[in-house]
Amino acid sequence: MRAMVSIVLGVQSGCFFFQQVSMFSLFKGVESPEALKKKAKQTFDKVTALTADTFEANSLRRGLALLCCAHLDKTFIAGAERTADWQQMAAFAVAKEAEAPPFPKADCYQKVRSGKSDIWVYLPTEYAERAFLFGAKYQRTELNSEQAIASMQQLADTIVRSEIGLSYEIDVLKFLRHELSAAERKADVQEDLSGMPSD
């Protein structure tokens, strides 16, 4: 099984706006998860429908973009982890000559840390399913780290630019980027050491 990095996802730079704008105060309180998920979708729909080019509107867009990218990260990880679980259950079923369980599906809603609280974040099914699939392919080694990062970044760019309306990109899979960078540095050191003359 491919090892996944445990991370704590958070959205720090956007939390100020969510505390100040009444639209995002909808997430607070003791409402049921179903009600909070409904409001998460309403928030996504409202922000992506904004047409004003004001400081307030762009602040909302940036806040939503950060949350959506955190959603993508969590969905990618879920795709990898749940695929690993499914592989084990499927192998067990084959050994018992039983039917394999259905392949897991993506969730449009993810809980994301914003400031000191967790809030529900919504992404349309098409985006959640693609992020989940990339995670599953990474787990099955059908995508290497570079390919996974490139695929997820392209997906994030589509959401941030086409859906939300920002003109810049927000990096996703930072944990995997760091892991890849560390591996590359280690390889460079080993190459340098191998090139040193022996005594």
N, C-alpha and C. Protein backbone atom coordinates (compact mmCIF):
# COMPACT_ATOMS: atom_id res chain seq x y z
N MET A 1 0.84 -1.19 0.00
CA MET A 1 0.00 0.00 0.00
C MET A 1 0.87 1.25 0.00
N ARG A 2 0.54 2.20 -0.85
CA ARG A 2 1.31 3.43 -0.89
C ARG A 2 1.04 4.24 0.37
N ALA A 3 2.10 4.70 1.01
CA ALA A 3 1.95 5.47 2.24
C ALA A 3 1.50 6.88 1.91
N MET A 4 0.52 7.38 2.67
CA MET A 4 0.04 8.74 2.49
C MET A 4 0.50 9.60 3.65
N VAL A 5 0.75 10.87 3.37
CA VAL A 5 1.22 11.80 4.39
C VAL A 5 0.04 12.32 5.17
N SER A 6 0.11 12.27 6.49
CA SER A 6 -0.94 12.83 7.33
C SER A 6 -0.73 14.32 7.45
N ILE A 7 -1.77 15.10 7.14
CA ILE A 7 -1.65 16.54 7.20
C ILE A 7 -2.88 17.13 7.86
N VAL A 8 -2.73 18.33 8.36
CA VAL A 8 -3.85 19.08 8.89
C VAL A 8 -4.13 20.21 7.92
N LEU A 9 -5.28 20.13 7.25
CA LEU A 9 -5.62 21.13 6.26
C LEU A 9 -6.24 22.33 6.95
N GLY A 10 -5.82 23.50 6.57
CA GLY A 10 -6.40 24.70 7.15
C GLY A 10 -6.41 25.82 6.16
N VAL A 11 -7.29 26.75 6.38
CA VAL A 11 -7.36 27.93 5.54
C VAL A 11 -7.26 29.11 6.46
N GLN A 12 -6.06 29.65 6.60
CA GLN A 12 -5.82 30.72 7.55
C GLN A 12 -6.08 32.09 6.94
N SER A 13 -5.57 32.31 5.72
CA SER A 13 -5.62 33.65 5.16
C SER A 13 -7.02 34.07 4.77
N GLY A 14 -7.95 33.12 4.66
CA GLY A 14 -9.30 33.49 4.29
C GLY A 14 -10.25 33.60 5.46
N CYS A 15 -9.78 33.25 6.66
CA CYS A 15 -10.71 33.16 7.79
C CYS A 15 -11.23 34.52 8.21
N PHE A 16 -10.44 35.58 8.02
CA PHE A 16 -10.89 36.93 8.41
C PHE A 16 -12.18 37.28 7.70
N PHE A 17 -12.23 36.97 6.42
CA PHE A 17 -13.40 37.35 5.65
C PHE A 17 -14.62 36.54 6.06
N PHE A 18 -14.41 35.29 6.44
CA PHE A 18 -15.54 34.47 6.83
C PHE A 18 -16.09 34.91 8.18
N GLN A 19 -15.24 35.50 9.01
CA GLN A 19 -15.71 35.99 10.29
C GLN A 19 -16.44 37.31 10.14
N GLN A 20 -16.09 38.08 9.09
CA GLN A 20 -16.63 39.41 8.93
C GLN A 20 -17.89 39.45 8.07
N VAL A 21 -18.02 38.50 7.15
CA VAL A 21 -19.12 38.56 6.20
C VAL A 21 -20.25 37.66 6.65
N SER A 22 -21.45 38.21 6.69
CA SER A 22 -22.58 37.47 7.24
C SER A 22 -22.91 36.22 6.45
N MET A 23 -22.58 36.23 5.14
CA MET A 23 -22.88 35.06 4.33
C MET A 23 -22.24 33.80 4.91
N PHE A 24 -21.01 33.93 5.39
CA PHE A 24 -20.29 32.77 5.87
C PHE A 24 -20.57 32.48 7.33
N SER A 25 -21.27 33.38 8.00
CA SER A 25 -21.68 33.08 9.37
C SER A 25 -22.76 32.01 9.36
N LEU A 26 -23.28 31.68 8.19
CA LEU A 26 -24.26 30.61 8.07
C LEU A 26 -23.70 29.28 8.57
N PHE A 27 -22.35 29.15 8.54
CA PHE A 27 -21.74 27.89 8.94
C PHE A 27 -21.74 27.72 10.46
N LYS A 28 -21.92 28.81 11.21
CA LYS A 28 -21.81 28.74 12.65
C LYS A 28 -23.09 28.15 13.25
N GLY A 29 -23.03 27.85 14.52
CA GLY A 29 -24.22 27.37 15.22
C GLY A 29 -24.21 25.86 15.37
N VAL A 30 -25.36 25.34 15.80
CA VAL A 30 -25.46 23.92 16.12
C VAL A 30 -26.45 23.24 15.16
N GLU A 31 -26.51 23.71 13.96
CA GLU A 31 -27.41 23.12 12.99
C GLU A 31 -26.91 21.73 12.58
N SER A 32 -27.80 20.95 12.00
CA SER A 32 -27.46 19.59 11.58
C SER A 32 -26.47 19.63 10.43
N PRO A 33 -25.69 18.56 10.26
CA PRO A 33 -24.77 18.51 9.13
C PRO A 33 -25.48 18.70 7.79
N GLU A 34 -26.69 18.15 7.68
CA GLU A 34 -27.43 18.29 6.43
C GLU A 34 -27.74 19.76 6.13
N ALA A 35 -28.15 20.50 7.17
CA ALA A 35 -28.46 21.92 6.97
C ALA A 35 -27.20 22.71 6.63
N LEU A 36 -26.09 22.37 7.29
CA LEU A 36 -24.83 23.08 7.03
C LEU A 36 -24.30 22.76 5.64
N LYS A 37 -24.50 21.53 5.19
CA LYS A 37 -24.09 21.17 3.83
C LYS A 37 -24.91 21.94 2.80
N LYS A 38 -26.19 22.08 3.07
CA LYS A 38 -27.06 22.84 2.16
C LYS A 38 -26.58 24.28 2.06
N LYS A 39 -26.21 24.86 3.19
CA LYS A 39 -25.73 26.24 3.19
C LYS A 39 -24.36 26.35 2.53
N ALA A 40 -23.56 25.30 2.63
CA ALA A 40 -22.26 25.30 1.95
C ALA A 40 -22.46 25.38 0.43
N LYS A 41 -23.43 24.64 -0.07
CA LYS A 41 -23.71 24.69 -1.51
C LYS A 41 -24.27 26.06 -1.89
N GLN A 42 -25.14 26.62 -1.04
CA GLN A 42 -25.68 27.94 -1.32
C GLN A 42 -24.56 28.98 -1.37
N THR A 43 -23.61 28.85 -0.47
CA THR A 43 -22.47 29.78 -0.46
C THR A 43 -21.66 29.67 -1.74
N PHE A 44 -21.38 28.44 -2.15
CA PHE A 44 -20.63 28.23 -3.40
C PHE A 44 -21.38 28.87 -4.55
N ASP A 45 -22.68 28.63 -4.63
CA ASP A 45 -23.48 29.16 -5.73
C ASP A 45 -23.50 30.69 -5.71
N LYS A 46 -23.61 31.27 -4.53
CA LYS A 46 -23.69 32.73 -4.41
C LYS A 46 -22.37 33.39 -4.80
N VAL A 47 -21.27 32.84 -4.31
CA VAL A 47 -19.97 33.46 -4.60
C VAL A 47 -19.61 33.29 -6.07
N THR A 48 -19.85 32.12 -6.63
CA THR A 48 -19.51 31.91 -8.04
C THR A 48 -20.40 32.71 -8.98
N ALA A 49 -21.54 33.18 -8.47
CA ALA A 49 -22.44 34.00 -9.29
C ALA A 49 -22.13 35.50 -9.20
N LEU A 50 -21.19 35.87 -8.31
CA LEU A 50 -20.86 37.29 -8.16
C LEU A 50 -20.31 37.86 -9.46
N THR A 51 -20.73 39.08 -9.78
CA THR A 51 -20.22 39.75 -10.98
C THR A 51 -19.46 41.02 -10.65
N ALA A 52 -19.62 41.53 -9.43
CA ALA A 52 -18.96 42.78 -9.04
C ALA A 52 -17.45 42.58 -8.93
N ASP A 53 -16.71 43.61 -9.29
CA ASP A 53 -15.25 43.58 -9.18
C ASP A 53 -14.83 44.54 -8.07
N THR A 54 -15.33 44.28 -6.86
CA THR A 54 -15.04 45.13 -5.70
C THR A 54 -14.11 44.40 -4.75
N PHE A 55 -13.57 45.13 -3.79
CA PHE A 55 -12.69 44.52 -2.79
C PHE A 55 -13.44 43.43 -2.03
N GLU A 56 -14.67 43.72 -1.64
CA GLU A 56 -15.45 42.75 -0.86
C GLU A 56 -15.73 41.50 -1.68
N ALA A 57 -16.13 41.68 -2.93
CA ALA A 57 -16.44 40.53 -3.78
C ALA A 57 -15.20 39.68 -4.02
N ASN A 58 -14.08 40.32 -4.29
CA ASN A 58 -12.84 39.58 -4.52
C ASN A 58 -12.34 38.90 -3.26
N SER A 59 -12.61 39.50 -2.09
CA SER A 59 -12.25 38.86 -0.83
C SER A 59 -13.05 37.58 -0.64
N LEU A 60 -14.33 37.62 -0.99
CA LEU A 60 -15.17 36.43 -0.91
C LEU A 60 -14.69 35.36 -1.89
N ARG A 61 -14.31 35.79 -3.07
CA ARG A 61 -13.82 34.84 -4.07
C ARG A 61 -12.54 34.16 -3.57
N ARG A 62 -11.64 34.95 -3.02
CA ARG A 62 -10.38 34.37 -2.52
C ARG A 62 -10.66 33.40 -1.37
N GLY A 63 -11.52 33.80 -0.46
CA GLY A 63 -11.85 32.91 0.66
C GLY A 63 -12.43 31.59 0.19
N LEU A 64 -13.36 31.66 -0.76
CA LEU A 64 -13.96 30.43 -1.29
C LEU A 64 -12.91 29.60 -2.04
N ALA A 65 -12.04 30.27 -2.79
CA ALA A 65 -11.01 29.54 -3.54
C ALA A 65 -10.09 28.75 -2.60
N LEU A 66 -9.70 29.36 -1.49
CA LEU A 66 -8.85 28.67 -0.53
C LEU A 66 -9.56 27.46 0.05
N LEU A 67 -10.82 27.62 0.36
CA LEU A 67 -11.59 26.50 0.91
C LEU A 67 -11.76 25.39 -0.13
N CYS A 68 -12.02 25.76 -1.36
CA CYS A 68 -12.19 24.75 -2.41
C CYS A 68 -10.90 23.98 -2.65
N CYS A 69 -9.77 24.66 -2.58
CA CYS A 69 -8.48 23.97 -2.77
C CYS A 69 -8.19 23.03 -1.60
N ALA A 70 -8.59 23.44 -0.40
CA ALA A 70 -8.45 22.53 0.74
C ALA A 70 -9.36 21.32 0.56
N HIS A 71 -10.55 21.54 0.03
CA HIS A 71 -11.47 20.45 -0.30
C HIS A 71 -10.80 19.49 -1.28
N LEU A 72 -10.17 20.02 -2.32
CA LEU A 72 -9.51 19.18 -3.31
C LEU A 72 -8.43 18.31 -2.67
N ASP A 73 -7.64 18.91 -1.79
CA ASP A 73 -6.58 18.15 -1.11
C ASP A 73 -7.18 16.99 -0.32
N LYS A 74 -8.22 17.29 0.45
CA LYS A 74 -8.83 16.25 1.28
C LYS A 74 -9.47 15.16 0.42
N THR A 75 -10.06 15.56 -0.70
CA THR A 75 -10.71 14.58 -1.57
C THR A 75 -9.68 13.70 -2.26
N PHE A 76 -8.54 14.27 -2.64
CA PHE A 76 -7.44 13.49 -3.22
C PHE A 76 -6.97 12.44 -2.21
N ILE A 77 -6.76 12.86 -0.98
CA ILE A 77 -6.31 11.93 0.06
C ILE A 77 -7.36 10.86 0.31
N ALA A 78 -8.63 11.27 0.34
CA ALA A 78 -9.71 10.29 0.53
C ALA A 78 -9.72 9.27 -0.59
N GLY A 79 -9.49 9.74 -1.82
CA GLY A 79 -9.44 8.82 -2.95
C GLY A 79 -8.34 7.79 -2.80
N ALA A 80 -7.17 8.23 -2.33
CA ALA A 80 -6.05 7.30 -2.14
C ALA A 80 -6.32 6.34 -0.99
N GLU A 81 -6.75 6.87 0.14
CA GLU A 81 -6.95 6.04 1.33
C GLU A 81 -8.10 5.05 1.15
N ARG A 82 -9.20 5.52 0.60
CA ARG A 82 -10.35 4.64 0.43
C ARG A 82 -10.11 3.60 -0.66
N THR A 83 -9.29 3.95 -1.65
CA THR A 83 -8.91 2.97 -2.65
C THR A 83 -8.03 1.88 -2.03
N ALA A 84 -7.13 2.27 -1.14
CA ALA A 84 -6.29 1.28 -0.46
C ALA A 84 -7.15 0.33 0.36
N ASP A 85 -8.15 0.87 1.06
CA ASP A 85 -9.06 0.03 1.83
C ASP A 85 -9.84 -0.91 0.91
N TRP A 86 -10.29 -0.36 -0.22
CA TRP A 86 -11.07 -1.17 -1.16
C TRP A 86 -10.21 -2.29 -1.74
N GLN A 87 -8.96 -2.01 -2.03
CA GLN A 87 -8.07 -3.04 -2.58
C GLN A 87 -7.93 -4.21 -1.62
N GLN A 88 -7.81 -3.89 -0.33
CA GLN A 88 -7.71 -4.96 0.67
C GLN A 88 -8.99 -5.77 0.75
N MET A 89 -10.13 -5.07 0.76
CA MET A 89 -11.42 -5.78 0.84
C MET A 89 -11.68 -6.60 -0.41
N ALA A 90 -11.28 -6.06 -1.57
CA ALA A 90 -11.48 -6.78 -2.82
C ALA A 90 -10.61 -8.05 -2.86
N ALA A 91 -9.37 -7.92 -2.39
CA ALA A 91 -8.48 -9.08 -2.36
C ALA A 91 -9.02 -10.15 -1.42
N PHE A 92 -9.55 -9.72 -0.29
CA PHE A 92 -10.14 -10.66 0.67
C PHE A 92 -11.34 -11.35 0.06
N ALA A 93 -12.16 -10.58 -0.68
CA ALA A 93 -13.34 -11.16 -1.31
C ALA A 93 -12.96 -12.19 -2.36
N VAL A 94 -11.93 -11.89 -3.15
CA VAL A 94 -11.46 -12.84 -4.16
C VAL A 94 -10.97 -14.12 -3.51
N ALA A 95 -10.24 -13.97 -2.40
CA ALA A 95 -9.73 -15.15 -1.69
C ALA A 95 -10.87 -16.02 -1.17
N LYS A 96 -11.99 -15.39 -0.83
CA LYS A 96 -13.15 -16.11 -0.32
C LYS A 96 -14.13 -16.49 -1.43
N GLU A 97 -13.72 -16.19 -2.68
CA GLU A 97 -14.57 -16.43 -3.84
C GLU A 97 -15.91 -15.73 -3.69
N ALA A 98 -15.86 -14.53 -3.17
CA ALA A 98 -17.06 -13.71 -2.98
C ALA A 98 -16.99 -12.51 -3.92
N GLU A 99 -18.10 -11.79 -4.02
CA GLU A 99 -18.15 -10.62 -4.89
C GLU A 99 -17.43 -9.44 -4.23
N ALA A 100 -16.65 -8.75 -5.03
CA ALA A 100 -15.91 -7.59 -4.50
C ALA A 100 -16.87 -6.46 -4.17
N PRO A 101 -16.57 -5.67 -3.16
CA PRO A 101 -17.44 -4.54 -2.81
C PRO A 101 -17.40 -3.47 -3.89
N PRO A 102 -18.42 -2.63 -3.97
CA PRO A 102 -18.40 -1.56 -4.98
C PRO A 102 -17.27 -0.57 -4.71
N PHE A 103 -16.75 0.00 -5.78
CA PHE A 103 -15.66 0.96 -5.62
C PHE A 103 -16.19 2.21 -4.94
N PRO A 104 -15.44 2.79 -4.01
CA PRO A 104 -15.92 3.98 -3.28
C PRO A 104 -16.11 5.18 -4.19
N LYS A 105 -16.98 6.07 -3.75
CA LYS A 105 -17.29 7.27 -4.52
C LYS A 105 -16.87 8.52 -3.78
N ALA A 106 -16.71 9.58 -4.54
CA ALA A 106 -16.33 10.87 -3.96
C ALA A 106 -17.50 11.51 -3.25
N ASP A 107 -17.19 12.39 -2.31
CA ASP A 107 -18.19 13.17 -1.59
C ASP A 107 -18.06 14.63 -2.02
N CYS A 108 -19.17 15.25 -2.33
CA CYS A 108 -19.16 16.66 -2.74
C CYS A 108 -18.86 17.60 -1.57
N TYR A 109 -18.97 17.09 -0.36
CA TYR A 109 -18.80 17.92 0.83
C TYR A 109 -17.61 17.43 1.64
N GLN A 110 -16.81 18.38 2.12
CA GLN A 110 -15.69 18.07 3.00
C GLN A 110 -15.68 19.07 4.15
N LYS A 111 -15.28 18.60 5.33
CA LYS A 111 -15.07 19.51 6.45
C LYS A 111 -13.65 20.06 6.38
N VAL A 112 -13.55 21.38 6.41
CA VAL A 112 -12.26 22.05 6.27
C VAL A 112 -12.05 22.99 7.45
N ARG A 113 -10.84 23.01 7.97
CA ARG A 113 -10.49 23.91 9.07
C ARG A 113 -10.35 25.33 8.56
N SER A 114 -11.08 26.27 9.17
CA SER A 114 -10.98 27.69 8.85
C SER A 114 -10.85 28.44 10.16
N GLY A 115 -9.65 28.98 10.42
CA GLY A 115 -9.41 29.62 11.71
C GLY A 115 -9.39 28.56 12.80
N LYS A 116 -10.29 28.70 13.76
CA LYS A 116 -10.36 27.76 14.89
C LYS A 116 -11.54 26.82 14.80
N SER A 117 -12.25 26.83 13.70
CA SER A 117 -13.43 25.99 13.56
C SER A 117 -13.40 25.22 12.25
N ASP A 118 -14.23 24.18 12.18
CA ASP A 118 -14.39 23.40 10.96
C ASP A 118 -15.67 23.83 10.27
N ILE A 119 -15.63 23.97 8.96
CA ILE A 119 -16.83 24.30 8.20
C ILE A 119 -16.97 23.34 7.03
N TRP A 120 -18.20 23.17 6.59
CA TRP A 120 -18.45 22.33 5.43
C TRP A 120 -18.18 23.13 4.17
N VAL A 121 -17.55 22.48 3.21
CA VAL A 121 -17.25 23.11 1.92
C VAL A 121 -17.81 22.21 0.82
N TYR A 122 -18.42 22.85 -0.16
CA TYR A 122 -19.05 22.13 -1.27
C TYR A 122 -18.26 22.32 -2.56
N LEU A 123 -18.16 21.25 -3.34
CA LEU A 123 -17.67 21.31 -4.71
C LEU A 123 -18.62 20.51 -5.59
N PRO A 124 -18.90 20.99 -6.79
CA PRO A 124 -19.74 20.21 -7.71
C PRO A 124 -19.19 18.81 -7.92
N THR A 125 -20.09 17.89 -8.20
CA THR A 125 -19.74 16.47 -8.32
C THR A 125 -18.60 16.23 -9.31
N GLU A 126 -18.64 16.90 -10.44
CA GLU A 126 -17.62 16.64 -11.47
C GLU A 126 -16.21 16.92 -10.96
N TYR A 127 -16.05 17.94 -10.13
CA TYR A 127 -14.73 18.27 -9.61
C TYR A 127 -14.32 17.32 -8.49
N ALA A 128 -15.27 17.02 -7.60
CA ALA A 128 -14.97 16.10 -6.51
C ALA A 128 -14.61 14.72 -7.05
N GLU A 129 -15.31 14.27 -8.05
CA GLU A 129 -15.05 12.94 -8.61
C GLU A 129 -13.68 12.88 -9.28
N ARG A 130 -13.28 13.96 -9.95
CA ARG A 130 -11.97 13.97 -10.61
C ARG A 130 -10.85 13.98 -9.59
N ALA A 131 -10.99 14.77 -8.52
CA ALA A 131 -9.97 14.79 -7.47
C ALA A 131 -9.86 13.42 -6.80
N PHE A 132 -11.01 12.80 -6.55
CA PHE A 132 -11.03 11.47 -5.93
C PHE A 132 -10.36 10.45 -6.86
N LEU A 133 -10.64 10.54 -8.16
CA LEU A 133 -10.06 9.62 -9.12
C LEU A 133 -8.55 9.78 -9.21
N PHE A 134 -8.07 11.03 -9.16
CA PHE A 134 -6.62 11.25 -9.19
C PHE A 134 -5.97 10.63 -7.96
N GLY A 135 -6.62 10.75 -6.80
CA GLY A 135 -6.10 10.12 -5.59
C GLY A 135 -6.07 8.61 -5.71
N ALA A 136 -7.13 8.06 -6.31
CA ALA A 136 -7.19 6.61 -6.50
C ALA A 136 -6.10 6.14 -7.46
N LYS A 137 -5.89 6.89 -8.53
CA LYS A 137 -4.84 6.52 -9.50
C LYS A 137 -3.45 6.64 -8.87
N TYR A 138 -3.27 7.62 -8.03
CA TYR A 138 -1.99 7.77 -7.33
C TYR A 138 -1.75 6.57 -6.42
N GLN A 139 -2.78 6.15 -5.73
CA GLN A 139 -2.67 4.99 -4.85
C GLN A 139 -2.32 3.72 -5.64
N ARG A 140 -2.90 3.60 -6.82
CA ARG A 140 -2.66 2.41 -7.65
C ARG A 140 -1.39 2.55 -8.49
N THR A 141 -0.63 3.63 -8.26
CA THR A 141 0.62 3.94 -8.97
C THR A 141 0.40 4.15 -10.47
N GLU A 142 -0.81 4.53 -10.84
CA GLU A 142 -1.09 4.88 -12.23
C GLU A 142 -0.67 6.32 -12.51
N LEU A 143 -0.47 7.10 -11.44
CA LEU A 143 0.07 8.45 -11.53
C LEU A 143 1.25 8.55 -10.57
N ASN A 144 2.36 9.12 -11.03
CA ASN A 144 3.44 9.38 -10.09
C ASN A 144 3.20 10.73 -9.42
N SER A 145 4.09 11.15 -8.56
CA SER A 145 3.89 12.39 -7.81
C SER A 145 3.77 13.60 -8.73
N GLU A 146 4.65 13.70 -9.71
CA GLU A 146 4.62 14.85 -10.62
C GLU A 146 3.32 14.89 -11.40
N GLN A 147 2.86 13.74 -11.87
CA GLN A 147 1.62 13.68 -12.64
C GLN A 147 0.41 14.01 -11.77
N ALA A 148 0.43 13.53 -10.54
CA ALA A 148 -0.68 13.81 -9.63
C ALA A 148 -0.77 15.31 -9.34
N ILE A 149 0.38 15.93 -9.09
CA ILE A 149 0.41 17.36 -8.80
C ILE A 149 -0.07 18.15 -10.01
N ALA A 150 0.40 17.80 -11.19
CA ALA A 150 0.01 18.52 -12.41
C ALA A 150 -1.49 18.38 -12.67
N SER A 151 -2.01 17.17 -12.50
CA SER A 151 -3.44 16.93 -12.75
C SER A 151 -4.31 17.69 -11.76
N MET A 152 -3.92 17.65 -10.50
CA MET A 152 -4.70 18.34 -9.47
C MET A 152 -4.59 19.86 -9.61
N GLN A 153 -3.42 20.35 -10.00
CA GLN A 153 -3.26 21.80 -10.18
C GLN A 153 -4.12 22.30 -11.34
N GLN A 154 -4.17 21.52 -12.40
CA GLN A 154 -5.02 21.90 -13.53
C GLN A 154 -6.48 21.95 -13.11
N LEU A 155 -6.90 20.98 -12.30
CA LEU A 155 -8.27 20.96 -11.80
C LEU A 155 -8.54 22.16 -10.91
N ALA A 156 -7.61 22.47 -10.03
CA ALA A 156 -7.76 23.62 -9.15
C ALA A 156 -7.84 24.91 -9.94
N ASP A 157 -7.00 25.04 -10.98
CA ASP A 157 -7.01 26.24 -11.80
C ASP A 157 -8.36 26.43 -12.49
N THR A 158 -8.95 25.33 -12.92
CA THR A 158 -10.27 25.41 -13.56
C THR A 158 -11.31 25.96 -12.60
N ILE A 159 -11.28 25.46 -11.36
CA ILE A 159 -12.24 25.91 -10.37
C ILE A 159 -11.99 27.37 -10.00
N VAL A 160 -10.75 27.68 -9.69
CA VAL A 160 -10.41 29.03 -9.22
C VAL A 160 -10.65 30.08 -10.30
N ARG A 161 -10.29 29.78 -11.52
CA ARG A 161 -10.40 30.78 -12.59
C ARG A 161 -11.76 30.76 -13.27
N SER A 162 -12.22 29.58 -13.66
CA SER A 162 -13.46 29.50 -14.43
C SER A 162 -14.71 29.59 -13.57
N GLU A 163 -14.71 28.92 -12.43
CA GLU A 163 -15.89 28.91 -11.57
C GLU A 163 -15.94 30.13 -10.66
N ILE A 164 -14.83 30.42 -10.00
CA ILE A 164 -14.82 31.47 -8.97
C ILE A 164 -14.49 32.83 -9.56
N GLY A 165 -13.66 32.87 -10.57
CA GLY A 165 -13.39 34.12 -11.25
C GLY A 165 -12.14 34.86 -10.80
N LEU A 166 -11.16 34.14 -10.26
CA LEU A 166 -9.89 34.76 -9.92
C LEU A 166 -8.91 34.58 -11.06
N SER A 167 -7.93 35.46 -11.14
CA SER A 167 -7.00 35.44 -12.26
C SER A 167 -5.67 34.79 -11.92
N TYR A 168 -5.54 34.24 -10.73
CA TYR A 168 -4.27 33.63 -10.34
C TYR A 168 -4.53 32.23 -9.79
N GLU A 169 -3.47 31.45 -9.66
CA GLU A 169 -3.63 30.08 -9.19
C GLU A 169 -3.31 29.97 -7.71
N ILE A 170 -3.88 28.95 -7.09
CA ILE A 170 -3.59 28.62 -5.69
C ILE A 170 -3.07 27.18 -5.68
N ASP A 171 -1.89 27.00 -5.13
CA ASP A 171 -1.26 25.68 -5.14
C ASP A 171 -2.07 24.67 -4.34
N VAL A 172 -2.17 23.46 -4.89
CA VAL A 172 -2.77 22.34 -4.17
C VAL A 172 -1.72 21.26 -3.97
N LEU A 173 -2.03 20.30 -3.12
CA LEU A 173 -1.12 19.18 -2.81
C LEU A 173 0.25 19.67 -2.37
N LYS A 174 0.26 20.68 -1.50
CA LYS A 174 1.54 21.19 -1.02
C LYS A 174 2.31 20.12 -0.27
N PHE A 175 1.61 19.26 0.44
CA PHE A 175 2.29 18.18 1.19
C PHE A 175 3.02 17.24 0.25
N LEU A 176 2.44 16.99 -0.92
CA LEU A 176 3.08 16.11 -1.89
C LEU A 176 4.24 16.83 -2.58
N ARG A 177 4.09 18.12 -2.80
CA ARG A 177 5.18 18.91 -3.36
C ARG A 177 6.39 18.89 -2.42
N HIS A 178 6.13 19.06 -1.11
CA HIS A 178 7.21 19.04 -0.14
C HIS A 178 7.88 17.67 -0.09
N GLU A 179 7.07 16.63 -0.16
CA GLU A 179 7.60 15.27 -0.14
C GLU A 179 8.47 15.03 -1.36
N LEU A 180 8.02 15.50 -2.52
CA LEU A 180 8.77 15.33 -3.75
C LEU A 180 10.06 16.14 -3.71
N SER A 181 9.98 17.36 -3.20
CA SER A 181 11.16 18.21 -3.11
C SER A 181 12.21 17.60 -2.19
N ALA A 182 11.76 17.03 -1.06
CA ALA A 182 12.69 16.39 -0.13
C ALA A 182 13.37 15.19 -0.78
N ALA A 183 12.60 14.42 -1.56
CA ALA A 183 13.16 13.25 -2.23
C ALA A 183 14.19 13.67 -3.27
N GLU A 184 13.90 14.78 -3.98
CA GLU A 184 14.84 15.27 -4.99
C GLU A 184 16.13 15.77 -4.35
N ARG A 185 15.99 16.46 -3.20
CA ARG A 185 17.19 16.93 -2.50
C ARG A 185 18.04 15.77 -2.03
N LYS A 186 17.39 14.73 -1.53
CA LYS A 186 18.12 13.54 -1.07
C LYS A 186 18.85 12.88 -2.22
N ALA A 187 18.19 12.82 -3.38
CA ALA A 187 18.82 12.21 -4.55
C ALA A 187 20.02 13.03 -5.00
N ASP A 188 19.91 14.37 -4.92
CA ASP A 188 21.02 15.23 -5.32
C ASP A 188 22.22 15.03 -4.39
N VAL A 189 21.95 14.89 -3.10
CA VAL A 189 23.03 14.68 -2.15
C VAL A 189 23.72 13.34 -2.40
N GLN A 190 22.92 12.32 -2.65
CA GLN A 190 23.50 11.00 -2.92
C GLN A 190 24.34 11.02 -4.20
N GLU A 191 23.86 11.78 -5.21
CA GLU A 191 24.62 11.89 -6.46
C GLU A 191 25.94 12.62 -6.23
N ASP A 192 25.90 13.67 -5.42
CA ASP A 192 27.14 14.41 -5.12
C ASP A 192 28.13 13.53 -4.36
N LEU A 193 27.60 12.75 -3.42
CA LEU A 193 28.48 11.88 -2.63
C LEU A 193 29.09 10.79 -3.51
N SER A 194 28.31 10.27 -4.44
CA SER A 194 28.82 9.20 -5.30
C SER A 194 29.90 9.72 -6.23
N GLY A 195 29.87 11.05 -6.50
CA GLY A 195 30.87 11.61 -7.40
C GLY A 195 32.15 12.02 -6.71
N MET A 196 32.17 11.96 -5.38
CA MET A 196 33.37 12.36 -4.64
C MET A 196 34.44 11.28 -4.74
N PRO A 197 35.70 11.66 -4.87
CA PRO A 197 36.77 10.67 -4.96
C PRO A 197 36.92 9.92 -3.63
N SER A 198 37.17 8.66 -3.72
CA SER A 198 37.37 7.86 -2.51
C SER A 198 38.81 7.97 -2.06
N ASP A 199 39.02 7.77 -0.77
CA ASP A 199 40.38 7.86 -0.21
C ASP A 199 41.21 6.66 -0.65
